[in-house]
């Protein structure tokens, strides 16, 4: 699972496919809220705002 900015979405997808050999689901963190999980404020790969969850 990766929380990433727009700049790193392709890298996160590539890493997910390499790790799990399957296509990930992409969740827009701006439009989706979770009741039992708080999304990180920043990208896993830089300090930009995390916009997508790759899972």
PDB file of N, CA and C in Angstrom:
ATOM      1  N   UNK A   1       0.849  -1.167   0.000  1.00  0.00           N
ATOM      2  CA  UNK A   1       0.000   0.000   0.000  1.00  0.00           C
ATOM      3  C   UNK A   1       0.891   1.225   0.000  1.00  0.00           C
ATOM      4  N   UNK A   2       0.581   2.163  -0.890  1.00  0.00           N
ATOM      5  CA  UNK A   2       1.346   3.399  -0.991  1.00  0.00           C
ATOM      6  C   UNK A   2       0.396   4.590  -1.007  1.00  0.00           C
ATOM      7  N   UNK A   3       0.728   5.623  -0.275  1.00  0.00           N
ATOM      8  CA  UNK A   3       0.028   6.899  -0.333  1.00  0.00           C
ATOM      9  C   UNK A   3       0.969   7.858  -1.042  1.00  0.00           C
ATOM     10  N   UNK A   4       0.548   8.328  -2.210  1.00  0.00           N
ATOM     11  CA  UNK A   4       1.469   9.093  -3.044  1.00  0.00           C
ATOM     12  C   UNK A   4       0.822  10.334  -3.646  1.00  0.00           C
ATOM     13  N   UNK A   5       1.696  11.227  -4.097  1.00  0.00           N
ATOM     14  CA  UNK A   5       1.263  12.428  -4.804  1.00  0.00           C
ATOM     15  C   UNK A   5       1.100  12.094  -6.288  1.00  0.00           C
ATOM     16  N   UNK A   6       0.629  13.064  -7.050  1.00  0.00           N
ATOM     17  CA  UNK A   6       0.430  12.853  -8.483  1.00  0.00           C
ATOM     18  C   UNK A   6       1.747  12.534  -9.189  1.00  0.00           C
ATOM     19  N   UNK A   7       2.828  13.132  -8.736  1.00  0.00           N
ATOM     20  CA  UNK A   7       4.137  12.934  -9.353  1.00  0.00           C
ATOM     21  C   UNK A   7       4.631  11.488  -9.224  1.00  0.00           C
ATOM     22  N   UNK A   8       4.271  10.801  -8.145  1.00  0.00           N
ATOM     23  CA  UNK A   8       4.797   9.468  -7.878  1.00  0.00           C
ATOM     24  C   UNK A   8       3.794   8.333  -8.096  1.00  0.00           C
ATOM     25  N   UNK A   9       2.645   8.619  -8.691  1.00  0.00           N
ATOM     26  CA  UNK A   9       1.629   7.583  -8.870  1.00  0.00           C
ATOM     27  C   UNK A   9       2.135   6.442  -9.766  1.00  0.00           C
ATOM     28  N   UNK A  10       2.818   6.763 -10.848  1.00  0.00           N
ATOM     29  CA  UNK A  10       3.306   5.716 -11.751  1.00  0.00           C
ATOM     30  C   UNK A  10       4.357   4.845 -11.072  1.00  0.00           C
ATOM     31  N   UNK A  11       5.228   5.442 -10.291  1.00  0.00           N
ATOM     32  CA  UNK A  11       6.245   4.678  -9.568  1.00  0.00           C
ATOM     33  C   UNK A  11       5.595   3.739  -8.558  1.00  0.00           C
ATOM     34  N   UNK A  12       4.579   4.219  -7.853  1.00  0.00           N
ATOM     35  CA  UNK A  12       3.882   3.387  -6.875  1.00  0.00           C
ATOM     36  C   UNK A  12       3.174   2.217  -7.553  1.00  0.00           C
ATOM     37  N   UNK A  13       2.566   2.463  -8.715  1.00  0.00           N
ATOM     38  CA  UNK A  13       1.905   1.384  -9.460  1.00  0.00           C
ATOM     39  C   UNK A  13       2.936   0.344  -9.885  1.00  0.00           C
ATOM     40  N   UNK A  14       4.066   0.806 -10.408  1.00  0.00           N
ATOM     41  CA  UNK A  14       5.129  -0.119 -10.828  1.00  0.00           C
ATOM     42  C   UNK A  14       5.639  -0.961  -9.662  1.00  0.00           C
ATOM     43  N   UNK A  15       5.855  -0.326  -8.513  1.00  0.00           N
ATOM     44  CA  UNK A  15       6.339  -1.051  -7.342  1.00  0.00           C
ATOM     45  C   UNK A  15       5.307  -2.076  -6.873  1.00  0.00           C
ATOM     46  N   UNK A  16       4.026  -1.696  -6.895  1.00  0.00           N
ATOM     47  CA  UNK A  16       2.971  -2.604  -6.487  1.00  0.00           C
ATOM     48  C   UNK A  16       2.935  -3.831  -7.397  1.00  0.00           C
ATOM     49  N   UNK A  17       2.986  -3.603  -8.701  1.00  0.00           N
ATOM     50  CA  UNK A  17       2.955  -4.708  -9.662  1.00  0.00           C
ATOM     51  C   UNK A  17       4.177  -5.605  -9.480  1.00  0.00           C
ATOM     52  N   UNK A  18       5.344  -5.014  -9.254  1.00  0.00           N
ATOM     53  CA  UNK A  18       6.549  -5.813  -9.021  1.00  0.00           C
ATOM     54  C   UNK A  18       6.411  -6.680  -7.769  1.00  0.00           C
ATOM     55  N   UNK A  19       5.841  -6.110  -6.713  1.00  0.00           N
ATOM     56  CA  UNK A  19       5.715  -6.827  -5.443  1.00  0.00           C
ATOM     57  C   UNK A  19       4.629  -7.904  -5.466  1.00  0.00           C
ATOM     58  N   UNK A  20       3.473  -7.578  -6.044  1.00  0.00           N
ATOM     59  CA  UNK A  20       2.312  -8.465  -5.943  1.00  0.00           C
ATOM     60  C   UNK A  20       1.909  -9.137  -7.257  1.00  0.00           C
ATOM     61  N   UNK A  21       2.548  -8.766  -8.362  1.00  0.00           N
ATOM     62  CA  UNK A  21       2.243  -9.315  -9.682  1.00  0.00           C
ATOM     63  C   UNK A  21       0.754  -9.242 -10.003  1.00  0.00           C
ATOM     64  N   UNK A  22       0.148  -8.125  -9.628  1.00  0.00           N
ATOM     65  CA  UNK A  22      -1.270  -7.884  -9.868  1.00  0.00           C
ATOM     66  C   UNK A  22      -1.479  -6.377  -9.986  1.00  0.00           C
ATOM     67  N   UNK A  23      -2.534  -5.983 -10.675  1.00  0.00           N
ATOM     68  CA  UNK A  23      -2.843  -4.562 -10.822  1.00  0.00           C
ATOM     69  C   UNK A  23      -3.446  -4.021  -9.522  1.00  0.00           C
ATOM     70  N   UNK A  24      -3.021  -2.831  -9.095  1.00  0.00           N
ATOM     71  CA  UNK A  24      -3.562  -2.263  -7.860  1.00  0.00           C
ATOM     72  C   UNK A  24      -4.880  -1.533  -8.094  1.00  0.00           C
ATOM     73  N   UNK A  25      -5.569  -1.272  -7.010  1.00  0.00           N
ATOM     74  CA  UNK A  25      -6.696  -0.346  -7.024  1.00  0.00           C
ATOM     75  C   UNK A  25      -6.147   1.017  -6.653  1.00  0.00           C
ATOM     76  N   UNK A  26      -6.677   2.053  -7.279  1.00  0.00           N
ATOM     77  CA  UNK A  26      -6.252   3.424  -7.012  1.00  0.00           C
ATOM     78  C   UNK A  26      -7.425   4.148  -6.377  1.00  0.00           C
ATOM     79  N   UNK A  27      -7.210   4.722  -5.193  1.00  0.00           N
ATOM     80  CA  UNK A  27      -8.254   5.439  -4.477  1.00  0.00           C
ATOM     81  C   UNK A  27      -7.858   6.903  -4.375  1.00  0.00           C
ATOM     82  N   UNK A  28      -8.775   7.788  -4.754  1.00  0.00           N
ATOM     83  CA  UNK A  28      -8.553   9.225  -4.649  1.00  0.00           C
ATOM     84  C   UNK A  28      -8.771   9.633  -3.190  1.00  0.00           C
ATOM     85  N   UNK A  29      -7.720  10.083  -2.525  1.00  0.00           N
ATOM     86  CA  UNK A  29      -7.819  10.416  -1.099  1.00  0.00           C
ATOM     87  C   UNK A  29      -8.561  11.717  -0.836  1.00  0.00           C
ATOM     88  N   UNK A  30      -8.744  12.542  -1.853  1.00  0.00           N
ATOM     89  CA  UNK A  30      -9.507  13.781  -1.687  1.00  0.00           C
ATOM     90  C   UNK A  30     -11.001  13.469  -1.610  1.00  0.00           C
ATOM     91  N   UNK A  31     -11.451  12.528  -2.425  1.00  0.00           N
ATOM     92  CA  UNK A  31     -12.875  12.198  -2.493  1.00  0.00           C
ATOM     93  C   UNK A  31     -13.301  11.105  -1.524  1.00  0.00           C
ATOM     94  N   UNK A  32     -12.363  10.316  -1.017  1.00  0.00           N
ATOM     95  CA  UNK A  32     -12.692   9.165  -0.176  1.00  0.00           C
ATOM     96  C   UNK A  32     -12.219   9.385   1.254  1.00  0.00           C
ATOM     97  N   UNK A  33     -13.088   9.133   2.196  1.00  0.00           N
ATOM     98  CA  UNK A  33     -12.743   9.215   3.617  1.00  0.00           C
ATOM     99  C   UNK A  33     -12.959   7.845   4.243  1.00  0.00           C
ATOM    100  N   UNK A  34     -12.084   7.475   5.154  1.00  0.00           N
ATOM    101  CA  UNK A  34     -12.166   6.184   5.829  1.00  0.00           C
ATOM    102  C   UNK A  34     -12.526   6.407   7.295  1.00  0.00           C
ATOM    103  N   UNK A  35     -13.398   5.571   7.820  1.00  0.00           N
ATOM    104  CA  UNK A  35     -13.840   5.746   9.200  1.00  0.00           C
ATOM    105  C   UNK A  35     -12.822   5.221  10.209  1.00  0.00           C
ATOM    106  N   UNK A  36     -12.032   4.216   9.837  1.00  0.00           N
ATOM    107  CA  UNK A  36     -11.105   3.612  10.794  1.00  0.00           C
ATOM    108  C   UNK A  36      -9.634   3.778  10.420  1.00  0.00           C
ATOM    109  N   UNK A  37      -9.346   4.631   9.441  1.00  0.00           N
ATOM    110  CA  UNK A  37      -7.955   4.828   9.014  1.00  0.00           C
ATOM    111  C   UNK A  37      -7.763   6.267   8.587  1.00  0.00           C
ATOM    112  N   UNK A  38      -6.713   6.871   9.054  1.00  0.00           N
ATOM    113  CA  UNK A  38      -6.375   8.244   8.697  1.00  0.00           C
ATOM    114  C   UNK A  38      -5.234   8.210   7.683  1.00  0.00           C
ATOM    115  N   UNK A  39      -5.475   8.757   6.503  1.00  0.00           N
ATOM    116  CA  UNK A  39      -4.447   8.774   5.456  1.00  0.00           C
ATOM    117  C   UNK A  39      -3.305   9.700   5.868  1.00  0.00           C
ATOM    118  N   UNK A  40      -2.076   9.341   5.544  1.00  0.00           N
ATOM    119  CA  UNK A  40      -0.955  10.215   5.843  1.00  0.00           C
ATOM    120  C   UNK A  40      -1.093  11.534   5.087  1.00  0.00           C
ATOM    121  N   UNK A  41      -0.563  12.591   5.647  1.00  0.00           N
ATOM    122  CA  UNK A  41      -0.671  13.908   5.026  1.00  0.00           C
ATOM    123  C   UNK A  41       0.276  14.053   3.838  1.00  0.00           C
ATOM    124  N   UNK A  42       1.383  13.328   3.866  1.00  0.00           N
ATOM    125  CA  UNK A  42       2.377  13.498   2.807  1.00  0.00           C
ATOM    126  C   UNK A  42       2.609  12.198   2.043  1.00  0.00           C
ATOM    127  N   UNK A  43       3.141  12.360   0.853  1.00  0.00           N
ATOM    128  CA  UNK A  43       3.494  11.265  -0.033  1.00  0.00           C
ATOM    129  C   UNK A  43       4.546  10.377   0.630  1.00  0.00           C
ATOM    130  N   UNK A  44       4.468   9.069   0.372  1.00  0.00           N
ATOM    131  CA  UNK A  44       5.454   8.132   0.901  1.00  0.00           C
ATOM    132  C   UNK A  44       6.836   8.327   0.282  1.00  0.00           C
ATOM    133  N   UNK A  45       6.904   9.027  -0.850  1.00  0.00           N
ATOM    134  CA  UNK A  45       8.155   9.148  -1.584  1.00  0.00           C
ATOM    135  C   UNK A  45       8.734  10.560  -1.617  1.00  0.00           C
ATOM    136  N   UNK A  46       7.968  11.527  -1.100  1.00  0.00           N
ATOM    137  CA  UNK A  46       8.450  12.910  -1.036  1.00  0.00           C
ATOM    138  C   UNK A  46       7.614  13.659   0.008  1.00  0.00           C
ATOM    139  N   UNK A  47       7.749  14.961   0.061  1.00  0.00           N
ATOM    140  CA  UNK A  47       7.016  15.757   1.054  1.00  0.00           C
ATOM    141  C   UNK A  47       5.767  16.432   0.500  1.00  0.00           C
ATOM    142  N   UNK A  48       5.354  16.079  -0.713  1.00  0.00           N
ATOM    143  CA  UNK A  48       4.129  16.641  -1.287  1.00  0.00           C
ATOM    144  C   UNK A  48       2.905  16.010  -0.624  1.00  0.00           C
ATOM    145  N   UNK A  49       1.760  16.629  -0.831  1.00  0.00           N
ATOM    146  CA  UNK A  49       0.515  16.125  -0.269  1.00  0.00           C
ATOM    147  C   UNK A  49       0.131  14.809  -0.953  1.00  0.00           C
ATOM    148  N   UNK A  50      -0.227  13.808  -0.153  1.00  0.00           N
ATOM    149  CA  UNK A  50      -0.660  12.507  -0.680  1.00  0.00           C
ATOM    150  C   UNK A  50      -2.060  12.647  -1.257  1.00  0.00           C
ATOM    151  N   UNK A  51      -2.219  12.297  -2.532  1.00  0.00           N
ATOM    152  CA  UNK A  51      -3.503  12.419  -3.208  1.00  0.00           C
ATOM    153  C   UNK A  51      -4.130  11.073  -3.551  1.00  0.00           C
ATOM    154  N   UNK A  52      -3.301  10.021  -3.613  1.00  0.00           N
ATOM    155  CA  UNK A  52      -3.793   8.716  -4.050  1.00  0.00           C
ATOM    156  C   UNK A  52      -3.312   7.614  -3.121  1.00  0.00           C
ATOM    157  N   UNK A  53      -4.163   6.614  -2.976  1.00  0.00           N
ATOM    158  CA  UNK A  53      -3.832   5.399  -2.250  1.00  0.00           C
ATOM    159  C   UNK A  53      -3.747   4.288  -3.288  1.00  0.00           C
ATOM    160  N   UNK A  54      -2.600   3.649  -3.365  1.00  0.00           N
ATOM    161  CA  UNK A  54      -2.385   2.536  -4.288  1.00  0.00           C
ATOM    162  C   UNK A  54      -2.394   1.273  -3.436  1.00  0.00           C
ATOM    163  N   UNK A  55      -3.412   0.441  -3.662  1.00  0.00           N
ATOM    164  CA  UNK A  55      -3.606  -0.727  -2.813  1.00  0.00           C
ATOM    165  C   UNK A  55      -4.088  -1.923  -3.608  1.00  0.00           C
TER     166      UNK A  55
END
